[in-house]
Protein backbone atom coordinates (compact mmCIF):
# COMPACT_ATOMS: atom_id res chain seq x y z
CA UNK A 1 17.33 -5.82 -8.35
CA UNK A 2 18.43 -2.46 -6.50
CA UNK A 3 14.82 -1.39 -6.23
CA UNK A 4 13.53 -4.49 -4.56
CA UNK A 5 16.26 -4.56 -2.06
CA UNK A 6 15.06 -1.23 -0.08
CA UNK A 7 11.31 -2.26 -0.44
CA UNK A 8 12.06 -5.47 1.27
CA UNK A 9 13.02 -3.44 4.54
CA UNK A 10 10.46 -0.69 3.93
CA UNK A 11 7.27 -2.76 3.80
CA UNK A 12 7.99 -4.57 6.90
CA UNK A 13 8.52 -1.35 8.83
CA UNK A 14 5.24 0.08 7.34
CA UNK A 15 3.30 -3.00 8.50
CA UNK A 16 5.03 -2.49 12.13
CA UNK A 17 3.67 1.13 12.21
CA UNK A 18 0.18 -0.05 11.47
CA UNK A 19 0.04 -3.07 13.73
CA UNK A 20 2.32 -1.75 16.52
CA UNK A 21 1.76 -4.45 19.38
CA UNK A 22 2.32 -2.10 22.10
CA UNK A 23 -0.30 0.35 20.72
CA UNK A 24 -3.12 -2.61 20.38
CA UNK A 25 -2.10 -3.81 23.72
CA UNK A 26 -2.76 -0.19 25.29
CA UNK A 27 -5.83 0.33 23.35
CA UNK A 28 -7.43 -3.12 24.35
CA UNK A 29 -6.40 -2.65 27.92
CA UNK A 30 -8.04 0.77 28.33
CA UNK A 31 -11.37 -0.84 27.01
CA UNK A 32 -11.20 -4.26 28.42
CA UNK A 33 -9.79 -3.55 32.02
CA UNK A 34 -12.37 -1.01 33.13
CA UNK A 35 -15.43 -3.06 31.77
CA UNK A 36 -14.12 -6.41 33.38
CA UNK A 37 -13.74 -4.37 36.77
CA UNK A 38 -17.28 -3.08 36.51
CA UNK A 39 -18.50 -6.64 35.82
CA UNK A 40 -16.40 -7.90 39.01
CA UNK A 41 -17.83 -4.87 41.07
CA UNK A 42 -21.09 -6.35 40.56
CA UNK A 43 -20.24 -9.45 42.42
CA UNK A 44 -22.03 -11.62 39.45
CA UNK A 45 -19.38 -14.32 38.62
CA UNK A 46 -21.47 -15.79 35.92
CA UNK A 47 -21.88 -12.41 34.10
CA UNK A 48 -18.13 -12.05 34.42
CA UNK A 49 -17.51 -15.39 33.08
CA UNK A 50 -20.05 -14.77 30.13
CA UNK A 51 -18.24 -11.55 29.31
CA UNK A 52 -14.91 -12.93 29.38
CA UNK A 53 -15.95 -15.87 27.17
CA UNK A 54 -17.52 -13.53 24.50
CA UNK A 55 -14.45 -11.37 24.53
CA UNK A 56 -11.97 -14.20 24.13
CA UNK A 57 -14.24 -15.99 21.39
CA UNK A 58 -14.45 -12.65 19.52
CA UNK A 59 -10.66 -12.18 19.61
CA UNK A 60 -9.91 -16.07 18.68
CA UNK A 61 -12.54 -15.63 15.66
CA UNK A 62 -10.50 -12.49 14.33
CA UNK A 63 -7.13 -14.08 14.82
CA UNK A 64 -8.44 -17.31 12.99
CA UNK A 65 -10.07 -15.02 10.07
CA UNK A 66 -6.81 -13.04 9.82
CA UNK A 67 -4.92 -16.31 9.59
CA UNK A 68 -6.94 -17.68 6.94
CA UNK A 69 -6.63 -14.63 4.89
CA UNK A 70 -2.83 -14.37 4.98
CA UNK A 71 -2.43 -17.82 4.06
CA UNK A 72 -4.70 -17.49 1.15
CA UNK A 73 -3.25 -14.21 0.08
CA UNK A 74 0.56 -15.58 0.65
CA UNK A 75 1.05 -16.60 -2.71
CA UNK A 76 0.22 -13.06 -3.83
CA UNK A 77 2.77 -11.54 -1.67
CA UNK A 78 5.27 -13.83 -3.00
CA UNK A 79 4.68 -12.88 -6.40
CA UNK A 80 4.91 -9.36 -5.89
CA UNK A 81 8.19 -9.75 -3.93
CA UNK A 82 9.94 -12.63 -6.14
CA UNK A 83 8.73 -11.44 -9.65
CA UNK A 84 11.74 -13.04 -11.00
CA UNK A 85 10.64 -16.48 -10.23
CA UNK A 86 7.05 -15.87 -10.94
CA UNK A 87 7.44 -14.64 -14.42
CA UNK A 88 9.85 -17.44 -15.61
């Protein structure tokens, strides 16, 4: 019991370090905003809309896949953290 308690605080901290929201936002904005500004500078509204549609579709697909993997893997994570109820 004493071993699992500190781990329950350690692992979420590790996950937050890997997927820090502010770091991802900064990386995305450094890549996306200049390219979007370049598309807008060309004054071609159709190309700009196509670019935004492709980016939002790709991000939507990535979020959907990560969510599905997390839903499928959630019993494994529950078994790792709750070994007492899983073994009984």
